[in-house]
Amino acid sequence: METTASANTLVIRKSEGSNEQIKLDYVAVKNAAMTLRAINHKLRQQIVKLLEENKRMNVTDIYVKLRLEQSVASQHLAILRRANIVITERDGKFIHYALNHARIAAVAKFVNELVNSETSSND
């Protein structure tokens, strides 16, 4: 299998003797891993569920509802915000959090494609 690489991309042939190439973008892989790590946490999943049920909440509402310390809720919201899973909206001195449905749909599609391509390549 022949490979070539640049600083951020690895290009390999799909199979020996094939001209089809697979390009692996390291930056995209890193972003995908960060997003999946952000979602793969029980407390953050509870926050996502809470936001889905309530549409929009501030950190106080979230930590009271989940019986957390304010700092714990803020740390987990920051992780979700960096992964672009939640969006923020300032209303005076309050910051309200809501789900980024487009990002969540894109992550779900990515995971489904990953799982489906893995199972179809094993056949």
PDB file of N, CA and C in Angstrom:
ATOM      1  N   MET A   1       0.850  -1.174   0.000  1.00  0.00           N
ATOM      2  CA  MET A   1       0.000   0.000   0.000  1.00  0.00           C
ATOM      3  C   MET A   1       0.895   1.236   0.000  1.00  0.00           C
ATOM      4  N   GLU A   2       0.764   2.058  -0.994  1.00  0.00           N
ATOM      5  CA  GLU A   2       1.586   3.258  -1.125  1.00  0.00           C
ATOM      6  C   GLU A   2       0.937   4.416  -0.370  1.00  0.00           C
ATOM      7  N   THR A   3       1.776   5.180   0.334  1.00  0.00           N
ATOM      8  CA  THR A   3       1.247   6.315   1.072  1.00  0.00           C
ATOM      9  C   THR A   3       2.041   7.560   0.742  1.00  0.00           C
ATOM     10  N   THR A   4       1.363   8.687   0.815  1.00  0.00           N
ATOM     11  CA  THR A   4       2.025   9.981   0.748  1.00  0.00           C
ATOM     12  C   THR A   4       1.441  10.810   1.871  1.00  0.00           C
ATOM     13  N   ALA A   5       2.203  11.785   2.331  1.00  0.00           N
ATOM     14  CA  ALA A   5       1.705  12.579   3.450  1.00  0.00           C
ATOM     15  C   ALA A   5       2.149  14.016   3.318  1.00  0.00           C
ATOM     16  N   SER A   6       1.317  14.898   3.794  1.00  0.00           N
ATOM     17  CA  SER A   6       1.693  16.294   3.968  1.00  0.00           C
ATOM     18  C   SER A   6       1.577  16.578   5.460  1.00  0.00           C
ATOM     19  N   ALA A   7       1.704  17.822   5.836  1.00  0.00           N
ATOM     20  CA  ALA A   7       1.656  18.169   7.249  1.00  0.00           C
ATOM     21  C   ALA A   7       0.339  17.771   7.907  1.00  0.00           C
ATOM     22  N   ASN A   8      -0.774  17.940   7.197  1.00  0.00           N
ATOM     23  CA  ASN A   8      -2.071  17.679   7.808  1.00  0.00           C
ATOM     24  C   ASN A   8      -2.894  16.594   7.132  1.00  0.00           C
ATOM     25  N   THR A   9      -2.357  15.951   6.099  1.00  0.00           N
ATOM     26  CA  THR A   9      -3.134  14.977   5.349  1.00  0.00           C
ATOM     27  C   THR A   9      -2.300  13.752   5.023  1.00  0.00           C
ATOM     28  N   LEU A  10      -2.915  12.604   5.123  1.00  0.00           N
ATOM     29  CA  LEU A  10      -2.310  11.346   4.707  1.00  0.00           C
ATOM     30  C   LEU A  10      -3.128  10.819   3.544  1.00  0.00           C
ATOM     31  N   VAL A  11      -2.454  10.442   2.443  1.00  0.00           N
ATOM     32  CA  VAL A  11      -3.142   9.896   1.272  1.00  0.00           C
ATOM     33  C   VAL A  11      -2.629   8.480   1.053  1.00  0.00           C
ATOM     34  N   ILE A  12      -3.549   7.525   1.016  1.00  0.00           N
ATOM     35  CA  ILE A  12      -3.176   6.133   0.771  1.00  0.00           C
ATOM     36  C   ILE A  12      -4.080   5.570  -0.315  1.00  0.00           C
ATOM     37  N   ARG A  13      -3.600   4.517  -0.963  1.00  0.00           N
ATOM     38  CA  ARG A  13      -4.436   3.826  -1.952  1.00  0.00           C
ATOM     39  C   ARG A  13      -5.470   2.994  -1.222  1.00  0.00           C
ATOM     40  N   LYS A  14      -6.648   2.899  -1.829  1.00  0.00           N
ATOM     41  CA  LYS A  14      -7.738   2.146  -1.215  1.00  0.00           C
ATOM     42  C   LYS A  14      -7.383   0.663  -1.083  1.00  0.00           C
ATOM     43  N   SER A  15      -6.725   0.126  -2.110  1.00  0.00           N
ATOM     44  CA  SER A  15      -6.252  -1.250  -2.060  1.00  0.00           C
ATOM     45  C   SER A  15      -5.066  -1.369  -3.001  1.00  0.00           C
ATOM     46  N   GLU A  16      -4.312  -2.412  -2.820  1.00  0.00           N
ATOM     47  CA  GLU A  16      -3.126  -2.598  -3.654  1.00  0.00           C
ATOM     48  C   GLU A  16      -3.529  -2.728  -5.113  1.00  0.00           C
ATOM     49  N   GLY A  17      -2.831  -1.998  -5.981  1.00  0.00           N
ATOM     50  CA  GLY A  17      -3.116  -2.018  -7.400  1.00  0.00           C
ATOM     51  C   GLY A  17      -4.246  -1.075  -7.811  1.00  0.00           C
ATOM     52  N   SER A  18      -4.870  -0.433  -6.847  1.00  0.00           N
ATOM     53  CA  SER A  18      -5.971   0.478  -7.140  1.00  0.00           C
ATOM     54  C   SER A  18      -5.450   1.904  -7.266  1.00  0.00           C
ATOM     55  N   ASN A  19      -6.088   2.669  -8.139  1.00  0.00           N
ATOM     56  CA  ASN A  19      -5.758   4.087  -8.244  1.00  0.00           C
ATOM     57  C   ASN A  19      -6.638   4.944  -7.344  1.00  0.00           C
ATOM     58  N   GLU A  20      -7.674   4.328  -6.751  1.00  0.00           N
ATOM     59  CA  GLU A  20      -8.539   5.070  -5.826  1.00  0.00           C
ATOM     60  C   GLU A  20      -7.750   5.429  -4.577  1.00  0.00           C
ATOM     61  N   GLN A  21      -7.927   6.662  -4.137  1.00  0.00           N
ATOM     62  CA  GLN A  21      -7.193   7.122  -2.977  1.00  0.00           C
ATOM     63  C   GLN A  21      -8.124   7.467  -1.823  1.00  0.00           C
ATOM     64  N   ILE A  22      -7.586   7.319  -0.630  1.00  0.00           N
ATOM     65  CA  ILE A  22      -8.276   7.737   0.585  1.00  0.00           C
ATOM     66  C   ILE A  22      -7.443   8.864   1.184  1.00  0.00           C
ATOM     67  N   LYS A  23      -8.089   9.995   1.439  1.00  0.00           N
ATOM     68  CA  LYS A  23      -7.400  11.120   2.061  1.00  0.00           C
ATOM     69  C   LYS A  23      -7.872  11.239   3.498  1.00  0.00           C
ATOM     70  N   LEU A  24      -6.922  11.241   4.413  1.00  0.00           N
ATOM     71  CA  LEU A  24      -7.221  11.357   5.831  1.00  0.00           C
ATOM     72  C   LEU A  24      -6.704  12.701   6.323  1.00  0.00           C
ATOM     73  N   ASP A  25      -7.628  13.595   6.616  1.00  0.00           N
ATOM     74  CA  ASP A  25      -7.294  14.937   7.078  1.00  0.00           C
ATOM     75  C   ASP A  25      -7.170  14.905   8.601  1.00  0.00           C
ATOM     76  N   TYR A  26      -5.961  15.085   9.110  1.00  0.00           N
ATOM     77  CA  TYR A  26      -5.714  14.993  10.546  1.00  0.00           C
ATOM     78  C   TYR A  26      -6.482  16.040  11.341  1.00  0.00           C
ATOM     79  N   VAL A  27      -6.651  17.227  10.808  1.00  0.00           N
ATOM     80  CA  VAL A  27      -7.389  18.285  11.505  1.00  0.00           C
ATOM     81  C   VAL A  27      -8.858  17.878  11.646  1.00  0.00           C
ATOM     82  N   ALA A  28      -9.433  17.336  10.584  1.00  0.00           N
ATOM     83  CA  ALA A  28     -10.823  16.885  10.632  1.00  0.00           C
ATOM     84  C   ALA A  28     -10.986  15.728  11.616  1.00  0.00           C
ATOM     85  N   VAL A  29     -10.021  14.819  11.639  1.00  0.00           N
ATOM     86  CA  VAL A  29     -10.069  13.698  12.579  1.00  0.00           C
ATOM     87  C   VAL A  29      -9.996  14.212  14.014  1.00  0.00           C
ATOM     88  N   LYS A  30      -9.118  15.168  14.261  1.00  0.00           N
ATOM     89  CA  LYS A  30      -8.978  15.741  15.605  1.00  0.00           C
ATOM     90  C   LYS A  30     -10.276  16.415  16.039  1.00  0.00           C
ATOM     91  N   ASN A  31     -10.898  17.180  15.135  1.00  0.00           N
ATOM     92  CA  ASN A  31     -12.166  17.841  15.455  1.00  0.00           C
ATOM     93  C   ASN A  31     -13.271  16.824  15.719  1.00  0.00           C
ATOM     94  N   ALA A  32     -13.323  15.787  14.917  1.00  0.00           N
ATOM     95  CA  ALA A  32     -14.338  14.746  15.119  1.00  0.00           C
ATOM     96  C   ALA A  32     -14.138  14.045  16.455  1.00  0.00           C
ATOM     97  N   ALA A  33     -12.892  13.742  16.791  1.00  0.00           N
ATOM     98  CA  ALA A  33     -12.594  13.084  18.068  1.00  0.00           C
ATOM     99  C   ALA A  33     -12.994  13.973  19.240  1.00  0.00           C
ATOM    100  N   MET A  34     -12.709  15.272  19.138  1.00  0.00           N
ATOM    101  CA  MET A  34     -13.063  16.200  20.204  1.00  0.00           C
ATOM    102  C   MET A  34     -14.584  16.246  20.392  1.00  0.00           C
ATOM    103  N   THR A  35     -15.307  16.266  19.296  1.00  0.00           N
ATOM    104  CA  THR A  35     -16.764  16.314  19.367  1.00  0.00           C
ATOM    105  C   THR A  35     -17.318  15.032  19.976  1.00  0.00           C
ATOM    106  N   LEU A  36     -16.812  13.893  19.545  1.00  0.00           N
ATOM    107  CA  LEU A  36     -17.296  12.617  20.074  1.00  0.00           C
ATOM    108  C   LEU A  36     -16.943  12.465  21.554  1.00  0.00           C
ATOM    109  N   ARG A  37     -15.755  12.920  21.952  1.00  0.00           N
ATOM    110  CA  ARG A  37     -15.386  12.893  23.376  1.00  0.00           C
ATOM    111  C   ARG A  37     -16.322  13.779  24.190  1.00  0.00           C
ATOM    112  N   ALA A  38     -16.685  14.924  23.633  1.00  0.00           N
ATOM    113  CA  ALA A  38     -17.570  15.844  24.351  1.00  0.00           C
ATOM    114  C   ALA A  38     -18.940  15.207  24.589  1.00  0.00           C
ATOM    115  N   ILE A  39     -19.439  14.497  23.616  1.00  0.00           N
ATOM    116  CA  ILE A  39     -20.755  13.872  23.746  1.00  0.00           C
ATOM    117  C   ILE A  39     -20.702  12.606  24.596  1.00  0.00           C
ATOM    118  N   ASN A  40     -19.560  11.944  24.606  1.00  0.00           N
ATOM    119  CA  ASN A  40     -19.428  10.651  25.276  1.00  0.00           C
ATOM    120  C   ASN A  40     -19.138  10.821  26.769  1.00  0.00           C
ATOM    121  N   HIS A  41     -20.015  11.506  27.468  1.00  0.00           N
ATOM    122  CA  HIS A  41     -19.884  11.704  28.909  1.00  0.00           C
ATOM    123  C   HIS A  41     -21.288  11.779  29.489  1.00  0.00           C
ATOM    124  N   LYS A  42     -21.533  10.993  30.510  1.00  0.00           N
ATOM    125  CA  LYS A  42     -22.882  10.871  31.060  1.00  0.00           C
ATOM    126  C   LYS A  42     -23.469  12.217  31.500  1.00  0.00           C
ATOM    127  N   LEU A  43     -22.693  13.044  32.172  1.00  0.00           N
ATOM    128  CA  LEU A  43     -23.200  14.335  32.644  1.00  0.00           C
ATOM    129  C   LEU A  43     -23.500  15.274  31.473  1.00  0.00           C
ATOM    130  N   ARG A  44     -22.621  15.286  30.478  1.00  0.00           N
ATOM    131  CA  ARG A  44     -22.871  16.141  29.316  1.00  0.00           C
ATOM    132  C   ARG A  44     -24.078  15.637  28.528  1.00  0.00           C
ATOM    133  N   GLN A  45     -24.291  14.332  28.505  1.00  0.00           N
ATOM    134  CA  GLN A  45     -25.486  13.790  27.866  1.00  0.00           C
ATOM    135  C   GLN A  45     -26.741  14.241  28.614  1.00  0.00           C
ATOM    136  N   GLN A  46     -26.662  14.318  29.949  1.00  0.00           N
ATOM    137  CA  GLN A  46     -27.793  14.816  30.739  1.00  0.00           C
ATOM    138  C   GLN A  46     -28.052  16.289  30.426  1.00  0.00           C
ATOM    139  N   ILE A  47     -26.997  17.069  30.255  1.00  0.00           N
ATOM    140  CA  ILE A  47     -27.147  18.486  29.912  1.00  0.00           C
ATOM    141  C   ILE A  47     -27.809  18.617  28.546  1.00  0.00           C
ATOM    142  N   VAL A  48     -27.366  17.826  27.577  1.00  0.00           N
ATOM    143  CA  VAL A  48     -27.958  17.861  26.236  1.00  0.00           C
ATOM    144  C   VAL A  48     -29.443  17.500  26.305  1.00  0.00           C
ATOM    145  N   LYS A  49     -29.769  16.463  27.062  1.00  0.00           N
ATOM    146  CA  LYS A  49     -31.166  16.052  27.208  1.00  0.00           C
ATOM    147  C   LYS A  49     -31.985  17.168  27.858  1.00  0.00           C
ATOM    148  N   LEU A  50     -31.436  17.787  28.888  1.00  0.00           N
ATOM    149  CA  LEU A  50     -32.118  18.882  29.574  1.00  0.00           C
ATOM    150  C   LEU A  50     -32.365  20.060  28.629  1.00  0.00           C
ATOM    151  N   LEU A  51     -31.371  20.381  27.819  1.00  0.00           N
ATOM    152  CA  LEU A  51     -31.535  21.475  26.859  1.00  0.00           C
ATOM    153  C   LEU A  51     -32.560  21.122  25.778  1.00  0.00           C
ATOM    154  N   GLU A  52     -32.598  19.868  25.398  1.00  0.00           N
ATOM    155  CA  GLU A  52     -33.600  19.450  24.406  1.00  0.00           C
ATOM    156  C   GLU A  52     -35.008  19.603  24.978  1.00  0.00           C
ATOM    157  N   GLU A  53     -35.168  19.251  26.243  1.00  0.00           N
ATOM    158  CA  GLU A  53     -36.482  19.352  26.884  1.00  0.00           C
ATOM    159  C   GLU A  53     -36.907  20.801  27.123  1.00  0.00           C
ATOM    160  N   ASN A  54     -35.948  21.679  27.441  1.00  0.00           N
ATOM    161  CA  ASN A  54     -36.262  23.051  27.842  1.00  0.00           C
ATOM    162  C   ASN A  54     -35.926  24.096  26.787  1.00  0.00           C
ATOM    163  N   LYS A  55     -35.353  23.678  25.688  1.00  0.00           N
ATOM    164  CA  LYS A  55     -34.995  24.539  24.547  1.00  0.00           C
ATOM    165  C   LYS A  55     -33.854  25.513  24.835  1.00  0.00           C
ATOM    166  N   ARG A  56     -33.929  26.243  25.969  1.00  0.00           N
ATOM    167  CA  ARG A  56     -32.934  27.272  26.253  1.00  0.00           C
ATOM    168  C   ARG A  56     -32.856  27.458  27.763  1.00  0.00           C
ATOM    169  N   MET A  57     -31.621  27.423  28.305  1.00  0.00           N
ATOM    170  CA  MET A  57     -31.459  27.557  29.763  1.00  0.00           C
ATOM    171  C   MET A  57     -30.174  28.311  30.067  1.00  0.00           C
ATOM    172  N   ASN A  58     -30.139  28.942  31.249  1.00  0.00           N
ATOM    173  CA  ASN A  58     -28.879  29.533  31.692  1.00  0.00           C
ATOM    174  C   ASN A  58     -28.186  28.553  32.639  1.00  0.00           C
ATOM    175  N   VAL A  59     -26.957  28.846  32.991  1.00  0.00           N
ATOM    176  CA  VAL A  59     -26.164  27.909  33.790  1.00  0.00           C
ATOM    177  C   VAL A  59     -26.803  27.660  35.151  1.00  0.00           C
ATOM    178  N   THR A  60     -27.423  28.674  35.727  1.00  0.00           N
ATOM    179  CA  THR A  60     -28.074  28.501  37.028  1.00  0.00           C
ATOM    180  C   THR A  60     -29.192  27.477  36.937  1.00  0.00           C
ATOM    181  N   ASP A  61     -30.034  27.608  35.917  1.00  0.00           N
ATOM    182  CA  ASP A  61     -31.123  26.641  35.731  1.00  0.00           C
ATOM    183  C   ASP A  61     -30.576  25.227  35.572  1.00  0.00           C
ATOM    184  N   ILE A  62     -29.483  25.104  34.857  1.00  0.00           N
ATOM    185  CA  ILE A  62     -28.896  23.783  34.585  1.00  0.00           C
ATOM    186  C   ILE A  62     -28.324  23.175  35.858  1.00  0.00           C
ATOM    187  N   TYR A  63     -27.526  23.939  36.607  1.00  0.00           N
ATOM    188  CA  TYR A  63     -26.911  23.314  37.779  1.00  0.00           C
ATOM    189  C   TYR A  63     -27.920  23.050  38.883  1.00  0.00           C
ATOM    190  N   VAL A  64     -28.962  23.872  38.996  1.00  0.00           N
ATOM    191  CA  VAL A  64     -30.005  23.608  39.992  1.00  0.00           C
ATOM    192  C   VAL A  64     -30.776  22.344  39.617  1.00  0.00           C
ATOM    193  N   LYS A  65     -31.171  22.253  38.350  1.00  0.00           N
ATOM    194  CA  LYS A  65     -31.965  21.111  37.887  1.00  0.00           C
ATOM    195  C   LYS A  65     -31.188  19.784  38.016  1.00  0.00           C
ATOM    196  N   LEU A  66     -29.880  19.818  37.729  1.00  0.00           N
ATOM    197  CA  LEU A  66     -29.072  18.596  37.786  1.00  0.00           C
ATOM    198  C   LEU A  66     -28.384  18.388  39.131  1.00  0.00           C
ATOM    199  N   ARG A  67     -28.613  19.329  40.068  1.00  0.00           N
ATOM    200  CA  ARG A  67     -28.024  19.258  41.417  1.00  0.00           C
ATOM    201  C   ARG A  67     -26.500  19.157  41.360  1.00  0.00           C
ATOM    202  N   LEU A  68     -25.915  20.118  40.655  1.00  0.00           N
ATOM    203  CA  LEU A  68     -24.461  20.173  40.492  1.00  0.00           C
ATOM    204  C   LEU A  68     -23.915  21.432  41.147  1.00  0.00           C
ATOM    205  N   GLU A  69     -22.618  21.460  41.318  1.00  0.00           N
ATOM    206  CA  GLU A  69     -21.942  22.709  41.664  1.00  0.00           C
ATOM    207  C   GLU A  69     -21.936  23.575  40.413  1.00  0.00           C
ATOM    208  N   GLN A  70     -22.016  24.883  40.597  1.00  0.00           N
ATOM    209  CA  GLN A  70     -22.022  25.802  39.459  1.00  0.00           C
ATOM    210  C   GLN A  70     -20.768  25.630  38.608  1.00  0.00           C
ATOM    211  N   SER A  71     -19.613  25.455  39.259  1.00  0.00           N
ATOM    212  CA  SER A  71     -18.357  25.326  38.509  1.00  0.00           C
ATOM    213  C   SER A  71     -18.336  24.065  37.648  1.00  0.00           C
ATOM    214  N   VAL A  72     -18.923  22.987  38.143  1.00  0.00           N
ATOM    215  CA  VAL A  72     -18.973  21.727  37.389  1.00  0.00           C
ATOM    216  C   VAL A  72     -19.847  21.912  36.144  1.00  0.00           C
ATOM    217  N   ALA A  73     -21.012  22.512  36.331  1.00  0.00           N
ATOM    218  CA  ALA A  73     -21.908  22.758  35.188  1.00  0.00           C
ATOM    219  C   ALA A  73     -21.217  23.648  34.161  1.00  0.00           C
ATOM    220  N   SER A  74     -20.546  24.694  34.623  1.00  0.00           N
ATOM    221  CA  SER A  74     -19.857  25.617  33.712  1.00  0.00           C
ATOM    222  C   SER A  74     -18.750  24.924  32.933  1.00  0.00           C
ATOM    223  N   GLN A  75     -17.986  24.062  33.604  1.00  0.00           N
ATOM    224  CA  GLN A  75     -16.903  23.335  32.919  1.00  0.00           C
ATOM    225  C   GLN A  75     -17.457  22.444  31.816  1.00  0.00           C
ATOM    226  N   HIS A  76     -18.527  21.740  32.108  1.00  0.00           N
ATOM    227  CA  HIS A  76     -19.099  20.835  31.109  1.00  0.00           C
ATOM    228  C   HIS A  76     -19.759  21.607  29.968  1.00  0.00           C
ATOM    229  N   LEU A  77     -20.384  22.722  30.282  1.00  0.00           N
ATOM    230  CA  LEU A  77     -20.951  23.564  29.228  1.00  0.00           C
ATOM    231  C   LEU A  77     -19.854  24.128  28.330  1.00  0.00           C
ATOM    232  N   ALA A  78     -18.700  24.464  28.917  1.00  0.00           N
ATOM    233  CA  ALA A  78     -17.577  24.972  28.117  1.00  0.00           C
ATOM    234  C   ALA A  78     -17.081  23.910  27.141  1.00  0.00           C
ATOM    235  N   ILE A  79     -17.036  22.663  27.581  1.00  0.00           N
ATOM    236  CA  ILE A  79     -16.618  21.565  26.703  1.00  0.00           C
ATOM    237  C   ILE A  79     -17.619  21.405  25.557  1.00  0.00           C
ATOM    238  N   LEU A  80     -18.899  21.456  25.876  1.00  0.00           N
ATOM    239  CA  LEU A  80     -19.938  21.346  24.844  1.00  0.00           C
ATOM    240  C   LEU A  80     -19.893  22.541  23.893  1.00  0.00           C
ATOM    241  N   ARG A  81     -19.578  23.708  24.424  1.00  0.00           N
ATOM    242  CA  ARG A  81     -19.488  24.914  23.583  1.00  0.00           C
ATOM    243  C   ARG A  81     -18.292  24.825  22.639  1.00  0.00           C
ATOM    244  N   ARG A  82     -17.135  24.387  23.143  1.00  0.00           N
ATOM    245  CA  ARG A  82     -15.942  24.231  22.282  1.00  0.00           C
ATOM    246  C   ARG A  82     -16.172  23.209  21.181  1.00  0.00           C
ATOM    247  N   ALA A  83     -16.966  22.187  21.470  1.00  0.00           N
ATOM    248  CA  ALA A  83     -17.279  21.165  20.467  1.00  0.00           C
ATOM    249  C   ALA A  83     -18.422  21.611  19.559  1.00  0.00           C
ATOM    250  N   ASN A  84     -18.950  22.810  19.802  1.00  0.00           N
ATOM    251  CA  ASN A  84     -20.020  23.396  18.989  1.00  0.00           C
ATOM    252  C   ASN A  84     -21.337  22.624  19.098  1.00  0.00           C
ATOM    253  N   ILE A  85     -21.520  21.941  20.215  1.00  0.00           N
ATOM    254  CA  ILE A  85     -22.743  21.176  20.444  1.00  0.00           C
ATOM    255  C   ILE A  85     -23.826  22.076  21.038  1.00  0.00           C
ATOM    256  N   VAL A  86     -23.391  23.084  21.805  1.00  0.00           N
ATOM    257  CA  VAL A  86     -24.331  24.083  22.307  1.00  0.00           C
ATOM    258  C   VAL A  86     -23.931  25.451  21.771  1.00  0.00           C
ATOM    259  N   ILE A  87     -24.924  26.301  21.662  1.00  0.00           N
ATOM    260  CA  ILE A  87     -24.680  27.680  21.264  1.00  0.00           C
ATOM    261  C   ILE A  87     -25.116  28.575  22.418  1.00  0.00           C
ATOM    262  N   THR A  88     -24.565  29.771  22.461  1.00  0.00           N
ATOM    263  CA  THR A  88     -24.887  30.692  23.543  1.00  0.00           C
ATOM    264  C   THR A  88     -25.545  31.950  22.990  1.00  0.00           C
ATOM    265  N   GLU A  89     -26.351  32.545  23.850  1.00  0.00           N
ATOM    266  CA  GLU A  89     -27.011  33.805  23.509  1.00  0.00           C
ATOM    267  C   GLU A  89     -27.028  34.661  24.769  1.00  0.00           C
ATOM    268  N   ARG A  90     -26.486  35.856  24.659  1.00  0.00           N
ATOM    269  CA  ARG A  90     -26.454  36.750  25.812  1.00  0.00           C
ATOM    270  C   ARG A  90     -27.758  37.522  25.889  1.00  0.00           C
ATOM    271  N   ASP A  91     -28.298  37.584  27.105  1.00  0.00           N
ATOM    272  CA  ASP A  91     -29.506  38.358  27.381  1.00  0.00           C
ATOM    273  C   ASP A  91     -29.217  39.168  28.641  1.00  0.00           C
ATOM    274  N   GLY A  92     -28.722  40.392  28.459  1.00  0.00           N
ATOM    275  CA  GLY A  92     -28.304  41.206  29.601  1.00  0.00           C
ATOM    276  C   GLY A  92     -27.108  40.562  30.267  1.00  0.00           C
ATOM    277  N   LYS A  93     -27.220  40.276  31.555  1.00  0.00           N
ATOM    278  CA  LYS A  93     -26.103  39.642  32.265  1.00  0.00           C
ATOM    279  C   LYS A  93     -26.157  38.116  32.210  1.00  0.00           C
ATOM    280  N   PHE A  94     -27.195  37.573  31.605  1.00  0.00           N
ATOM    281  CA  PHE A  94     -27.351  36.129  31.533  1.00  0.00           C
ATOM    282  C   PHE A  94     -26.880  35.583  30.181  1.00  0.00           C
ATOM    283  N   ILE A  95     -26.292  34.412  30.235  1.00  0.00           N
ATOM    284  CA  ILE A  95     -25.937  33.683  29.016  1.00  0.00           C
ATOM    285  C   ILE A  95     -26.829  32.454  28.965  1.00  0.00           C
ATOM    286  N   HIS A  96     -27.581  32.339  27.902  1.00  0.00           N
ATOM    287  CA  HIS A  96     -28.477  31.196  27.727  1.00  0.00           C
ATOM    288  C   HIS A  96     -27.833  30.206  26.768  1.00  0.00           C
ATOM    289  N   TYR A  97     -28.025  28.939  27.074  1.00  0.00           N
ATOM    290  CA  TYR A  97     -27.483  27.855  26.264  1.00  0.00           C
ATOM    291  C   TYR A  97     -28.623  27.158  25.542  1.00  0.00           C
ATOM    292  N   ALA A  98     -28.353  26.762  24.317  1.00  0.00           N
ATOM    293  CA  ALA A  98     -29.310  25.993  23.508  1.00  0.00           C
ATOM    294  C   ALA A  98     -28.521  24.994  22.672  1.00  0.00           C
ATOM    295  N   LEU A  99     -29.187  23.965  22.215  1.00  0.00           N
ATOM    296  CA  LEU A  99     -28.516  22.962  21.381  1.00  0.00           C
ATOM    297  C   LEU A  99     -28.281  23.499  19.983  1.00  0.00           C
ATOM    298  N   ASN A 100     -27.166  23.106  19.419  1.00  0.00           N
ATOM    299  CA  ASN A 100     -26.865  23.390  18.020  1.00  0.00           C
ATOM    300  C   ASN A 100     -27.320  22.153  17.235  1.00  0.00           C
ATOM    301  N   HIS A 101     -28.586  22.160  16.857  1.00  0.00           N
ATOM    302  CA  HIS A 101     -29.179  20.983  16.214  1.00  0.00           C
ATOM    303  C   HIS A 101     -28.475  20.599  14.911  1.00  0.00           C
ATOM    304  N   ALA A 102     -28.017  21.576  14.159  1.00  0.00           N
ATOM    305  CA  ALA A 102     -27.330  21.275  12.898  1.00  0.00           C
ATOM    306  C   ALA A 102     -26.039  20.501  13.165  1.00  0.00           C
ATOM    307  N   ARG A 103     -25.297  20.918  14.186  1.00  0.00           N
ATOM    308  CA  ARG A 103     -24.039  20.229  14.524  1.00  0.00           C
ATOM    309  C   ARG A 103     -24.318  18.814  15.018  1.00  0.00           C
ATOM    310  N   ILE A 104     -25.332  18.666  15.850  1.00  0.00           N
ATOM    311  CA  ILE A 104     -25.672  17.343  16.372  1.00  0.00           C
ATOM    312  C   ILE A 104     -26.101  16.424  15.232  1.00  0.00           C
ATOM    313  N   ALA A 105     -26.859  16.943  14.286  1.00  0.00           N
ATOM    314  CA  ALA A 105     -27.267  16.145  13.121  1.00  0.00           C
ATOM    315  C   ALA A 105     -26.050  15.735  12.298  1.00  0.00           C
ATOM    316  N   ALA A 106     -25.098  16.647  12.136  1.00  0.00           N
ATOM    317  CA  ALA A 106     -23.884  16.331  11.375  1.00  0.00           C
ATOM    318  C   ALA A 106     -23.064  15.254  12.080  1.00  0.00           C
ATOM    319  N   VAL A 107     -22.979  15.328  13.402  1.00  0.00           N
ATOM    320  CA  VAL A 107     -22.244  14.318  14.173  1.00  0.00           C
ATOM    321  C   VAL A 107     -22.939  12.964  14.047  1.00  0.00           C
ATOM    322  N   ALA A 108     -24.261  12.962  14.154  1.00  0.00           N
ATOM    323  CA  ALA A 108     -25.015  11.705  14.028  1.00  0.00           C
ATOM    324  C   ALA A 108     -24.808  11.089  12.647  1.00  0.00           C
ATOM    325  N   LYS A 109     -24.828  11.928  11.615  1.00  0.00           N
ATOM    326  CA  LYS A 109     -24.609  11.440  10.250  1.00  0.00           C
ATOM    327  C   LYS A 109     -23.199  10.861  10.109  1.00  0.00           C
ATOM    328  N   PHE A 110     -22.210  11.568  10.655  1.00  0.00           N
ATOM    329  CA  PHE A 110     -20.827  11.101  10.601  1.00  0.00           C
ATOM    330  C   PHE A 110     -20.684   9.740  11.278  1.00  0.00           C
ATOM    331  N   VAL A 111     -21.254   9.598  12.465  1.00  0.00           N
ATOM    332  CA  VAL A 111     -21.159   8.336  13.207  1.00  0.00           C
ATOM    333  C   VAL A 111     -21.859   7.216  12.438  1.00  0.00           C
ATOM    334  N   ASN A 112     -23.042   7.501  11.899  1.00  0.00           N
ATOM    335  CA  ASN A 112     -23.757   6.477  11.119  1.00  0.00           C
ATOM    336  C   ASN A 112     -22.953   6.043   9.897  1.00  0.00           C
ATOM    337  N   GLU A 113     -22.355   7.001   9.205  1.00  0.00           N
ATOM    338  CA  GLU A 113     -21.530   6.657   8.037  1.00  0.00           C
ATOM    339  C   GLU A 113     -20.311   5.849   8.451  1.00  0.00           C
ATOM    340  N   LEU A 114     -19.717   6.222   9.575  1.00  0.00           N
ATOM    341  CA  LEU A 114     -18.542   5.505  10.072  1.00  0.00           C
ATOM    342  C   LEU A 114     -18.902   4.067  10.424  1.00  0.00           C
ATOM    343  N   VAL A 115     -19.989   3.888  11.132  1.00  0.00           N
ATOM    344  CA  VAL A 115     -20.427   2.546  11.534  1.00  0.00           C
ATOM    345  C   VAL A 115     -20.826   1.725  10.312  1.00  0.00           C
ATOM    346  N   ASN A 116     -21.577   2.344   9.400  1.00  0.00           N
ATOM    347  CA  ASN A 116     -22.026   1.612   8.209  1.00  0.00           C
ATOM    348  C   ASN A 116     -20.874   1.254   7.288  1.00  0.00           C
ATOM    349  N   SER A 117     -19.888   2.140   7.144  1.00  0.00           N
ATOM    350  CA  SER A 117     -18.758   1.820   6.269  1.00  0.00           C
ATOM    351  C   SER A 117     -17.893   0.738   6.886  1.00  0.00           C
ATOM    352  N   GLU A 118     -17.823   0.713   8.210  1.00  0.00           N
ATOM    353  CA  GLU A 118     -17.042  -0.310   8.897  1.00  0.00           C
ATOM    354  C   GLU A 118     -17.686  -1.669   8.733  1.00  0.00           C
ATOM    355  N   THR A 119     -19.008  -1.743   8.877  1.00  0.00           N
ATOM    356  CA  THR A 119     -19.681  -3.039   8.744  1.00  0.00           C
ATOM    357  C   THR A 119     -19.708  -3.512   7.296  1.00  0.00           C
ATOM    358  N   SER A 120     -19.820  -2.579   6.347  1.00  0.00           N
ATOM    359  CA  SER A 120     -19.853  -3.013   4.947  1.00  0.00           C
ATOM    360  C   SER A 120     -18.465  -3.424   4.460  1.00  0.00           C
ATOM    361  N   SER A 121     -17.398  -2.887   5.031  1.00  0.00           N
ATOM    362  CA  SER A 121     -16.051  -3.278   4.604  1.00  0.00           C
ATOM    363  C   SER A 121     -15.654  -4.628   5.193  1.00  0.00           C
ATOM    364  N   ASN A 122     -16.360  -5.081   6.248  1.00  0.00           N
ATOM    365  CA  ASN A 122     -16.054  -6.376   6.839  1.00  0.00           C
ATOM    366  C   ASN A 122     -16.780  -7.514   6.154  1.00  0.00           C
ATOM    367  N   ASP A 123     -17.694  -7.214   5.258  1.00  0.00           N
ATOM    368  CA  ASP A 123     -18.477  -8.259   4.575  1.00  0.00           C
ATOM    369  C   ASP A 123     -17.646  -8.998   3.554  1.00  0.00           C
TER     370      ASP A 123
END
